[in-house]
Amino acid sequence: MTHLSLRLRIFLFFCLIGFGGLAVVLGAVWLGYRQLGDPSAMSAFATVAIVSGFGFLALATFVWRLFDENVSKPIEHLAAQFRVRANADVVAEIDARTAQYLGDLAPAASAIQQKLGQASKATAETVAQKTARLEYQRAQLLRILSDIPVAVIVATRDHQIVLYDGQAAELMEREAPVRLNGSVFDYLEKPSLLETLSQMKADGAIRREIAIKGHCGAIYSGHIRLFEADESYTLMLEPLAPHAERPLVYDFDLFEKTQSTDPNDTAMRDLTFVVFDSETTGLDPAKDDVVQLGAVRVVNGKIVATERFETLVNPGRPIPPGSTKVHHVDDAMVADAPAFPQARAAFHRFAQGAVIVAHNAPFDMAFLHRDAAKDAPRFDNPVLDTVHLSAVVFGGSSEHTLDAICDRLSVEIPPELRHTALGDAMATAQVLVALMPILEARGLRSFGEVREEVKKHVRILKIQDS
């Protein structure tokens, strides 16, 4: 019984009361009839049994409804607020109105939250003071590194990219979408790189000149350097534009990650997610068309703000004025935009190897799967829906629109970005990142565990405002 939700357990409890009471009523009526010993009284006793039985069931149902609305749901909502404030960066006060019939429980919880908030604020201020100096030094170091005239890529022993600079990003963009935690072999020829690494290991060399071909046929020359502690390495190649800006994108925690072949056995934080949204000509995936696609990547539980995908799409027909009023995309804007097959193929390259996440995913995925040619790339990525994740955390009785979830998690969507594909994708990504620690606190760490829990809430998914 412990695996069942609180509301379901209470419902079963009232079912037991209702049917148990019905059994007692029927038993008492039968005993009374037996003691009377008058067969002509059967009709009267049957009437008493029916009226009493249905009356008792109706009373149990009525009391259960009151209990569910005023006790079960408020407890569920209050528990969700506890988890959000304990595991996400949310400082808003607990809404005591959701538990107004639970006596002093909500005010007491609010008082504890305020006390802990004050302590956390004091600690955060102390940490911020000490962190400021480190951030300053980090900025100085990045500024110095940015002046080094090479394109830098750092990769793990599994050839996953953990750092690249702006020069490397421009070089990588010629070959494939730029992706932190992507494979070096998505951009550079695999056999020659593996051969060079093998020769260096055999010779005991830690640095060597290299000329390596990209998938587009271009030759990139420079140096490769091995880390002494393991088989990770750095590629330092001639930049395409030596004087261009050189921001660094990195996550050294990826050195400690191991690649898994089965997403279900992989911790949520170890997965790469592509969070996307689409704007369309209407709300019927069978008849309407996409006019805009937007996506961001989440790696190691963090949004990689520089890795974005955004494109307008020419639907091949006029955009209804009512749709333009929502997403502000009109016919003039998409006149020179690529058609959907080209946009879909580009997005497929961007989402390669990642778990796809969307809000109301069946709606958006329906467009990606529709009318795909036989030779078109297939979206066989695992899919996760933030509507389901919200139901897991906040309960099925809560509202699960994107705006409602963002409000609970203190995620702000700038008004000018709402109902734009990239703006909604960024908000959904922030929701995903905020929900991860809450899911972990509930013991749902792996992707498979989250999927199993999600199955309990599939019924609540309807086409909502995304």
Protein backbone atom coordinates (compact mmCIF):
# COMPACT_ATOMS: atom_id res chain seq x y z
CA MET A 1 0.00 0.00 0.00
CA THR A 2 2.92 2.38 0.62
CA HIS A 3 3.57 2.75 -3.10
CA LEU A 4 0.07 4.18 -3.62
CA SER A 5 -0.55 7.91 -3.44
CA LEU A 6 -2.09 9.42 -0.28
CA ARG A 7 -5.32 10.31 -2.09
CA LEU A 8 -5.74 6.81 -3.48
CA ARG A 9 -5.12 5.22 -0.08
CA ILE A 10 -7.71 7.48 1.53
CA PHE A 11 -10.16 6.68 -1.27
CA LEU A 12 -9.66 2.96 -0.63
CA PHE A 13 -10.14 3.59 3.10
CA PHE A 14 -13.52 5.21 2.47
CA CYS A 15 -14.43 2.39 0.09
CA LEU A 16 -13.74 -0.02 2.93
CA ILE A 17 -15.93 2.07 5.26
CA GLY A 18 -18.73 2.30 2.68
CA PHE A 19 -18.87 -1.37 1.69
CA GLY A 20 -18.13 -2.52 5.22
CA GLY A 21 -21.05 -0.42 6.48
CA LEU A 22 -23.24 -1.79 3.68
CA ALA A 23 -22.39 -5.34 4.77
CA VAL A 24 -23.27 -4.50 8.39
CA VAL A 25 -26.64 -2.99 7.33
CA LEU A 26 -27.53 -5.99 5.17
CA GLY A 27 -26.48 -8.37 7.95
CA ALA A 28 -28.57 -6.53 10.55
CA VAL A 29 -31.63 -6.47 8.26
CA TRP A 30 -31.29 -10.17 7.53
CA LEU A 31 -31.01 -11.03 11.24
CA GLY A 32 -34.06 -8.88 12.01
CA TYR A 33 -36.05 -10.61 9.29
CA ARG A 34 -35.02 -14.04 10.55
CA GLN A 35 -36.02 -13.20 14.12
CA LEU A 36 -39.40 -11.82 13.05
CA GLY A 37 -40.17 -14.99 11.12
CA ASP A 38 -42.88 -13.37 9.02
CA PRO A 39 -42.43 -13.99 5.25
CA SER A 40 -44.86 -11.19 4.43
CA ALA A 41 -42.40 -8.69 5.94
CA MET A 42 -39.73 -9.46 3.30
CA SER A 43 -40.74 -6.49 1.15
CA ALA A 44 -40.46 -4.06 4.06
CA PHE A 45 -37.08 -5.42 5.10
CA ALA A 46 -35.81 -5.30 1.51
CA THR A 47 -36.87 -1.65 1.30
CA VAL A 48 -35.03 -0.91 4.53
CA ALA A 49 -31.92 -2.71 3.24
CA ILE A 50 -31.91 -0.88 -0.10
CA VAL A 51 -32.56 2.58 1.36
CA SER A 52 -30.09 2.08 4.20
CA GLY A 53 -27.43 0.58 1.94
CA PHE A 54 -27.57 3.26 -0.73
CA GLY A 55 -27.91 5.94 1.92
CA PHE A 56 -24.80 4.70 3.70
CA LEU A 57 -22.82 4.53 0.44
CA ALA A 58 -23.99 8.02 -0.52
CA LEU A 59 -22.98 9.37 2.88
CA ALA A 60 -19.55 7.69 2.65
CA THR A 61 -19.06 9.14 -0.85
CA PHE A 62 -20.10 12.62 0.28
CA VAL A 63 -17.77 12.54 3.29
CA TRP A 64 -14.93 11.20 1.09
CA ARG A 65 -15.41 14.07 -1.37
CA LEU A 66 -15.25 16.59 1.44
CA PHE A 67 -12.20 14.88 2.91
CA ASP A 68 -10.49 14.70 -0.49
CA GLU A 69 -11.06 18.38 -1.27
CA ASN A 70 -10.26 19.76 2.19
CA VAL A 71 -7.67 17.32 3.56
CA SER A 72 -6.15 14.98 0.96
CA LYS A 73 -5.53 17.52 -1.81
CA PRO A 74 -4.24 20.22 0.59
CA ILE A 75 -1.80 17.72 2.15
CA GLU A 76 -0.63 16.71 -1.34
CA HIS A 77 -0.16 20.36 -2.34
CA LEU A 78 1.57 21.21 0.93
CA ALA A 79 3.97 18.26 0.55
CA ALA A 80 4.79 19.40 -2.99
CA GLN A 81 5.55 22.92 -1.72
CA PHE A 82 7.83 21.44 0.97
CA ARG A 83 9.77 19.48 -1.66
CA VAL A 84 10.09 22.44 -4.00
CA ARG A 85 11.50 24.69 -1.28
CA ALA A 86 13.76 21.99 0.10
CA ASN A 87 15.27 20.95 -3.22
CA ALA A 88 14.86 23.84 -5.66
CA ASP A 89 15.91 27.46 -5.64
CA VAL A 90 12.47 28.77 -4.67
CA VAL A 91 12.14 31.30 -1.84
CA ALA A 92 8.47 32.29 -2.14
CA GLU A 93 6.37 31.80 0.98
CA ILE A 94 4.22 28.70 1.32
CA ASP A 95 0.65 29.36 0.21
CA ALA A 96 -1.33 28.69 3.41
CA ARG A 97 -4.64 29.05 1.55
CA THR A 98 -4.21 25.59 0.03
CA ALA A 99 -4.40 24.09 3.55
CA GLN A 100 -6.88 26.40 5.26
CA TYR A 101 -8.82 23.47 6.75
CA LEU A 102 -5.76 21.78 8.23
CA GLY A 103 -5.69 23.93 11.34
CA ASP A 104 -2.29 25.34 12.28
CA LEU A 105 -0.31 23.02 10.00
CA ALA A 106 0.17 25.48 7.11
CA PRO A 107 1.05 28.52 9.29
CA ALA A 108 3.49 26.37 11.29
CA ALA A 109 5.09 25.11 8.06
CA SER A 110 5.29 28.67 6.77
CA ALA A 111 7.02 29.79 9.97
CA ILE A 112 9.61 27.01 9.66
CA GLN A 113 10.18 27.91 6.03
CA GLN A 114 10.73 31.58 6.91
CA LYS A 115 13.18 30.63 9.66
CA LEU A 116 15.13 28.33 7.37
CA GLY A 117 14.99 30.96 4.65
CA GLN A 118 16.61 33.52 6.92
CA ALA A 119 19.36 31.06 7.88
CA SER A 120 19.91 30.13 4.23
CA LYS A 121 20.09 33.81 3.27
CA ALA A 122 22.77 34.49 5.88
CA THR A 123 24.77 31.48 4.72
CA ALA A 124 24.33 32.46 1.08
CA GLU A 125 25.63 35.97 1.77
CA THR A 126 28.76 34.56 3.41
CA VAL A 127 29.33 32.13 0.56
CA ALA A 128 28.68 34.87 -2.00
CA GLN A 129 31.40 37.06 -0.50
CA LYS A 130 33.95 34.26 -0.71
CA THR A 131 32.75 33.21 -4.14
CA ALA A 132 33.00 36.71 -5.59
CA ARG A 133 36.78 36.65 -5.38
CA LEU A 134 36.95 33.24 -7.03
CA GLU A 135 34.63 34.41 -9.80
CA TYR A 136 36.83 37.43 -10.39
CA GLN A 137 39.90 35.24 -10.65
CA ARG A 138 38.02 32.85 -12.94
CA ALA A 139 37.02 35.73 -15.22
CA GLN A 140 40.62 36.91 -15.36
CA LEU A 141 41.84 33.42 -16.23
CA LEU A 142 39.21 33.05 -18.95
CA ARG A 143 40.20 36.42 -20.37
CA ILE A 144 43.83 35.31 -20.55
CA LEU A 145 42.96 31.96 -22.11
CA SER A 146 40.75 33.68 -24.64
CA ASP A 147 43.77 35.50 -26.06
CA ILE A 148 45.61 32.29 -26.90
CA PRO A 149 45.42 32.02 -30.73
CA VAL A 150 44.23 28.40 -31.04
CA ALA A 151 40.94 26.56 -31.27
CA VAL A 152 40.74 24.37 -28.16
CA ILE A 153 38.74 21.18 -27.62
CA VAL A 154 39.16 19.10 -24.46
CA ALA A 155 37.80 15.54 -24.50
CA THR A 156 37.53 12.64 -22.08
CA ARG A 157 39.02 9.19 -22.62
CA ASP A 158 35.62 8.27 -24.12
CA HIS A 159 36.04 11.14 -26.61
CA GLN A 160 33.20 13.20 -25.13
CA ILE A 161 33.75 16.98 -25.33
CA VAL A 162 34.01 18.71 -21.94
CA LEU A 163 35.36 22.09 -23.15
CA TYR A 164 35.50 24.12 -26.31
CA ASP A 165 36.19 27.78 -26.97
CA GLY A 166 34.59 30.17 -29.44
CA GLN A 167 37.17 29.41 -32.12
CA ALA A 168 36.58 25.68 -31.77
CA ALA A 169 32.82 26.28 -31.85
CA GLU A 170 33.13 27.99 -35.23
CA LEU A 171 35.25 25.13 -36.52
CA MET A 172 32.81 22.52 -35.14
CA GLU A 173 29.81 24.35 -36.61
CA ARG A 174 31.20 23.63 -40.09
CA GLU A 175 30.87 19.92 -39.41
CA ALA A 176 27.80 19.47 -37.15
CA PRO A 177 25.79 21.31 -34.46
CA VAL A 178 28.04 22.35 -31.57
CA ARG A 179 27.37 20.14 -28.54
CA LEU A 180 28.99 19.92 -25.13
CA ASN A 181 29.25 16.24 -24.16
CA GLY A 182 28.99 15.35 -27.83
CA SER A 183 31.53 13.05 -29.42
CA VAL A 184 34.70 14.40 -31.02
CA PHE A 185 33.98 11.96 -33.83
CA ASP A 186 30.86 13.94 -34.74
CA TYR A 187 33.25 16.55 -36.11
CA LEU A 188 36.62 14.92 -36.84
CA GLU A 189 37.67 11.76 -38.65
CA LYS A 190 37.75 8.86 -36.20
CA PRO A 191 40.42 6.49 -37.63
CA SER A 192 43.23 9.06 -37.86
CA LEU A 193 42.55 10.46 -34.38
CA LEU A 194 42.50 6.99 -32.81
CA GLU A 195 45.69 6.06 -34.67
CA THR A 196 47.46 9.19 -33.40
CA LEU A 197 46.38 8.51 -29.83
CA SER A 198 47.51 4.90 -30.10
CA GLN A 199 50.96 5.94 -31.42
CA MET A 200 51.37 8.51 -28.65
CA LYS A 201 50.52 5.91 -26.02
CA ALA A 202 53.00 3.44 -27.53
CA ASP A 203 55.77 6.08 -27.74
CA GLY A 204 55.05 7.54 -24.33
CA ALA A 205 54.55 10.98 -25.93
CA ILE A 206 52.22 13.54 -24.35
CA ARG A 207 52.24 16.10 -27.18
CA ARG A 208 52.34 15.71 -30.95
CA GLU A 209 51.57 17.63 -34.10
CA ILE A 210 48.42 16.54 -35.87
CA ALA A 211 46.61 17.11 -39.14
CA ILE A 212 43.10 15.72 -39.07
CA LYS A 213 40.25 15.78 -41.54
CA GLY A 214 36.76 16.96 -40.68
CA HIS A 215 33.64 15.33 -42.08
CA CYS A 216 33.22 18.19 -44.52
CA GLY A 217 36.63 17.40 -46.01
CA ALA A 218 38.55 20.31 -44.45
CA ILE A 219 41.99 19.60 -42.93
CA TYR A 220 42.68 21.03 -39.47
CA SER A 221 46.25 21.19 -38.23
CA GLY A 222 47.69 21.82 -34.80
CA HIS A 223 48.69 19.80 -31.75
CA ILE A 224 47.22 17.14 -29.52
CA ARG A 225 48.21 16.82 -25.87
CA LEU A 226 47.45 13.94 -23.51
CA PHE A 227 46.62 14.41 -19.85
CA GLU A 228 49.21 12.59 -17.80
CA ALA A 229 46.73 11.20 -15.23
CA ASP A 230 44.46 9.45 -17.74
CA GLU A 231 43.74 9.19 -21.44
CA SER A 232 41.86 12.47 -21.75
CA TYR A 233 43.32 14.89 -24.26
CA THR A 234 43.31 18.42 -25.64
CA LEU A 235 43.16 19.34 -29.32
CA MET A 236 44.73 22.73 -30.15
CA LEU A 237 43.97 23.54 -33.78
CA GLU A 238 44.54 26.50 -36.05
CA PRO A 239 41.52 28.82 -35.69
CA LEU A 240 39.38 29.91 -38.62
CA ALA A 241 39.23 33.52 -37.38
CA PRO A 242 42.16 34.24 -35.01
CA HIS A 243 40.88 37.65 -33.91
CA ALA A 244 37.28 36.67 -33.21
CA GLU A 245 35.79 36.40 -29.71
CA ARG A 246 36.74 33.25 -27.83
CA PRO A 247 34.26 32.47 -25.00
CA LEU A 248 34.78 29.14 -23.27
CA VAL A 249 32.03 26.55 -22.82
CA TYR A 250 32.94 23.77 -20.41
CA ASP A 251 31.85 21.39 -17.68
CA PHE A 252 34.74 19.55 -16.06
CA ASP A 253 32.34 17.40 -14.05
CA LEU A 254 31.88 15.47 -17.29
CA PHE A 255 35.33 13.95 -16.71
CA GLU A 256 33.72 11.89 -13.93
CA LYS A 257 30.75 10.72 -16.02
CA THR A 258 30.65 7.32 -17.67
CA GLN A 259 28.75 6.70 -20.86
CA SER A 260 25.83 4.27 -20.56
CA THR A 261 24.23 2.38 -23.41
CA ASP A 262 20.85 2.13 -21.66
CA PRO A 263 19.19 5.45 -20.70
CA ASN A 264 16.90 3.66 -18.23
CA ASP A 265 19.89 2.70 -16.08
CA THR A 266 21.41 6.19 -16.28
CA ALA A 267 20.97 8.88 -13.65
CA MET A 268 18.87 11.79 -14.87
CA ARG A 269 21.77 14.18 -14.30
CA ASP A 270 24.06 12.08 -16.46
CA LEU A 271 21.76 12.31 -19.47
CA THR A 272 21.84 14.95 -22.17
CA PHE A 273 18.45 16.54 -22.86
CA VAL A 274 17.26 18.60 -25.80
CA VAL A 275 14.27 20.65 -24.68
CA PHE A 276 12.21 21.97 -27.57
CA ASP A 277 9.00 23.72 -28.48
CA SER A 278 7.15 24.43 -31.70
CA GLU A 279 4.83 27.20 -32.81
CA THR A 280 2.21 26.18 -35.34
CA THR A 281 -0.63 27.37 -37.55
CA GLY A 282 -3.15 25.75 -35.19
CA LEU A 283 -3.78 23.06 -32.60
CA ASP A 284 -4.46 20.05 -34.83
CA PRO A 285 -1.26 18.09 -35.59
CA ALA A 286 -3.08 16.21 -38.35
CA LYS A 287 -3.95 19.37 -40.31
CA ASP A 288 -1.78 22.25 -39.12
CA ASP A 289 1.88 23.03 -39.77
CA VAL A 290 4.96 24.24 -37.89
CA VAL A 291 6.06 27.86 -38.31
CA GLN A 292 8.88 27.95 -35.73
CA LEU A 293 11.12 25.50 -33.87
CA GLY A 294 13.29 26.31 -30.85
CA ALA A 295 15.43 24.16 -28.55
CA VAL A 296 18.16 24.29 -25.91
CA ARG A 297 20.45 21.61 -24.51
CA VAL A 298 20.72 20.52 -20.87
CA VAL A 299 23.96 18.75 -19.96
CA ASN A 300 24.89 17.43 -16.52
CA GLY A 301 21.76 18.98 -15.03
CA LYS A 302 22.59 22.48 -16.35
CA ILE A 303 21.34 24.51 -19.30
CA VAL A 304 24.05 25.18 -21.89
CA ALA A 305 22.87 28.65 -22.82
CA THR A 306 25.12 28.93 -25.90
CA GLU A 307 23.84 25.73 -27.48
CA ARG A 308 20.54 26.74 -29.00
CA PHE A 309 18.50 25.81 -32.01
CA GLU A 310 16.05 28.30 -33.50
CA THR A 311 14.52 28.54 -36.93
CA LEU A 312 11.44 29.91 -38.61
CA VAL A 313 9.67 27.43 -40.87
CA ASN A 314 7.74 28.14 -44.05
CA PRO A 315 4.49 26.16 -43.70
CA GLY A 316 3.74 26.48 -47.41
CA ARG A 317 0.40 28.17 -46.77
CA PRO A 318 -0.92 31.37 -45.15
CA ILE A 319 -0.67 31.58 -41.37
CA PRO A 320 -4.09 32.24 -39.81
CA PRO A 321 -4.34 35.69 -38.18
CA GLY A 322 -5.53 34.07 -34.95
CA SER A 323 -2.31 32.04 -34.74
CA THR A 324 -0.14 35.04 -35.57
CA LYS A 325 -1.83 36.90 -32.71
CA VAL A 326 -0.52 34.21 -30.32
CA HIS A 327 3.05 33.62 -31.53
CA HIS A 328 3.59 36.81 -33.60
CA VAL A 329 4.93 34.87 -36.61
CA ASP A 330 3.42 36.16 -39.87
CA ASP A 331 3.68 35.27 -43.54
CA ALA A 332 6.37 37.87 -44.27
CA MET A 333 8.65 36.47 -41.57
CA VAL A 334 8.58 32.93 -42.98
CA ALA A 335 8.69 33.82 -46.67
CA ASP A 336 12.41 32.96 -46.98
CA ALA A 337 12.51 30.38 -44.18
CA PRO A 338 13.29 26.71 -44.89
CA ALA A 339 10.47 24.26 -45.45
CA PHE A 340 9.64 21.86 -42.63
CA PRO A 341 11.58 18.84 -43.99
CA GLN A 342 14.80 20.88 -43.98
CA ALA A 343 14.08 22.36 -40.54
CA ARG A 344 13.21 18.91 -39.18
CA ALA A 345 16.47 17.44 -40.51
CA ALA A 346 18.51 20.27 -38.92
CA PHE A 347 16.75 19.76 -35.60
CA HIS A 348 17.37 16.01 -35.81
CA ARG A 349 21.13 16.69 -36.05
CA PHE A 350 20.90 19.03 -33.04
CA ALA A 351 18.99 16.43 -30.96
CA GLN A 352 21.18 13.48 -31.88
CA GLY A 353 21.92 11.21 -28.92
CA ALA A 354 19.79 13.20 -26.46
CA VAL A 355 16.55 12.63 -24.58
CA ILE A 356 13.90 14.91 -26.08
CA VAL A 357 11.84 16.95 -23.60
CA ALA A 358 8.77 19.06 -24.30
CA HIS A 359 5.70 20.38 -22.53
CA ASN A 360 2.75 18.40 -23.91
CA ALA A 361 5.24 16.31 -25.87
CA PRO A 362 2.65 14.28 -27.87
CA PHE A 363 1.49 17.50 -29.55
CA ASP A 364 4.97 18.66 -30.62
CA MET A 365 6.26 15.17 -31.45
CA ALA A 366 3.25 14.56 -33.70
CA PHE A 367 4.53 17.24 -36.08
CA LEU A 368 8.03 15.74 -36.12
CA HIS A 369 6.69 12.28 -36.98
CA ARG A 370 4.07 13.40 -39.50
CA ASP A 371 4.62 13.09 -43.25
CA ALA A 372 8.25 12.02 -42.86
CA ALA A 373 9.68 10.60 -46.07
CA LYS A 374 11.14 7.10 -46.00
CA ASP A 375 14.67 8.44 -46.22
CA ALA A 376 14.04 11.20 -43.63
CA PRO A 377 15.74 10.94 -40.23
CA ARG A 378 13.60 9.27 -37.58
CA PHE A 379 13.14 10.67 -34.11
CA ASP A 380 13.61 7.50 -32.08
CA ASN A 381 15.02 9.43 -29.09
CA PRO A 382 13.55 8.73 -25.65
CA VAL A 383 10.92 11.37 -24.86
CA LEU A 384 10.04 13.02 -21.54
CA ASP A 385 7.09 15.30 -20.85
CA THR A 386 7.18 18.07 -18.24
CA VAL A 387 3.41 17.72 -17.77
CA HIS A 388 4.05 14.22 -16.40
CA LEU A 389 6.98 15.37 -14.27
CA SER A 390 4.77 18.10 -12.80
CA ALA A 391 2.12 15.51 -11.97
CA VAL A 392 4.71 13.35 -10.23
CA VAL A 393 5.92 16.27 -8.08
CA PHE A 394 2.74 18.30 -7.53
CA GLY A 395 0.05 15.61 -7.81
CA GLY A 396 -2.46 14.90 -10.54
CA SER A 397 -5.04 17.33 -9.14
CA SER A 398 -2.83 20.38 -9.71
CA GLU A 399 -2.84 22.54 -12.82
CA HIS A 400 -0.08 21.54 -15.23
CA THR A 401 0.07 24.33 -17.80
CA LEU A 402 3.53 25.73 -18.45
CA ASP A 403 2.60 29.03 -16.81
CA ALA A 404 1.29 27.28 -13.67
CA ILE A 405 4.41 25.14 -13.28
CA CYS A 406 6.72 28.12 -13.84
CA ASP A 407 4.81 30.06 -11.20
CA ARG A 408 5.30 27.26 -8.63
CA LEU A 409 9.01 26.98 -9.39
CA SER A 410 9.67 30.74 -9.60
CA VAL A 411 10.65 30.42 -13.27
CA GLU A 412 10.06 33.71 -15.05
CA ILE A 413 9.14 33.86 -18.72
CA PRO A 414 9.69 37.34 -20.16
CA PRO A 415 6.38 38.42 -21.75
CA GLU A 416 8.07 39.08 -25.08
CA LEU A 417 9.39 35.48 -25.18
CA ARG A 418 6.15 33.73 -24.20
CA HIS A 419 4.72 31.80 -27.13
CA THR A 420 7.98 31.94 -29.03
CA ALA A 421 9.52 28.54 -29.69
CA LEU A 422 12.90 29.36 -28.13
CA GLY A 423 11.38 31.29 -25.21
CA ASP A 424 9.04 28.46 -24.25
CA ALA A 425 11.80 25.90 -24.78
CA MET A 426 14.07 27.84 -22.40
CA ALA A 427 11.30 28.05 -19.78
CA THR A 428 10.62 24.32 -20.12
CA ALA A 429 14.35 23.62 -19.72
CA GLN A 430 14.40 25.69 -16.53
CA VAL A 431 11.42 23.69 -15.27
CA LEU A 432 13.23 20.43 -16.05
CA VAL A 433 16.38 21.54 -14.22
CA ALA A 434 14.34 22.73 -11.21
CA LEU A 435 12.39 19.46 -11.02
CA MET A 436 15.46 17.19 -11.15
CA PRO A 437 16.58 17.65 -7.51
CA ILE A 438 12.97 17.28 -6.34
CA LEU A 439 12.66 13.97 -8.19
CA GLU A 440 15.99 12.84 -6.72
CA ALA A 441 14.76 13.71 -3.23
CA ARG A 442 11.84 11.35 -3.84
CA GLY A 443 14.28 8.57 -4.72
CA LEU A 444 13.69 8.86 -8.48
CA ARG A 445 17.27 9.13 -9.70
CA SER A 446 17.51 7.09 -12.88
CA PHE A 447 15.65 7.74 -16.10
CA GLY A 448 13.99 4.33 -15.80
CA GLU A 449 12.70 5.09 -12.30
CA VAL A 450 11.24 8.40 -13.48
CA ARG A 451 9.60 6.66 -16.44
CA GLU A 452 7.95 4.08 -14.18
CA GLU A 453 6.57 6.80 -11.91
CA VAL A 454 5.35 8.78 -14.91
CA LYS A 455 3.22 5.83 -16.04
CA LYS A 456 0.96 6.44 -13.04
CA HIS A 457 0.05 9.88 -14.41
CA VAL A 458 -0.36 9.23 -18.14
CA ARG A 459 -4.12 9.75 -17.91
CA ILE A 460 -3.77 13.43 -16.95
CA LEU A 461 -2.05 14.41 -20.18
CA LYS A 462 -4.29 16.46 -22.43
CA ILE A 463 -3.48 19.02 -25.07
CA GLN A 464 -2.82 22.12 -23.01
CA ASP A 465 -1.46 25.56 -23.62
CA SER A 466 2.19 25.00 -24.42
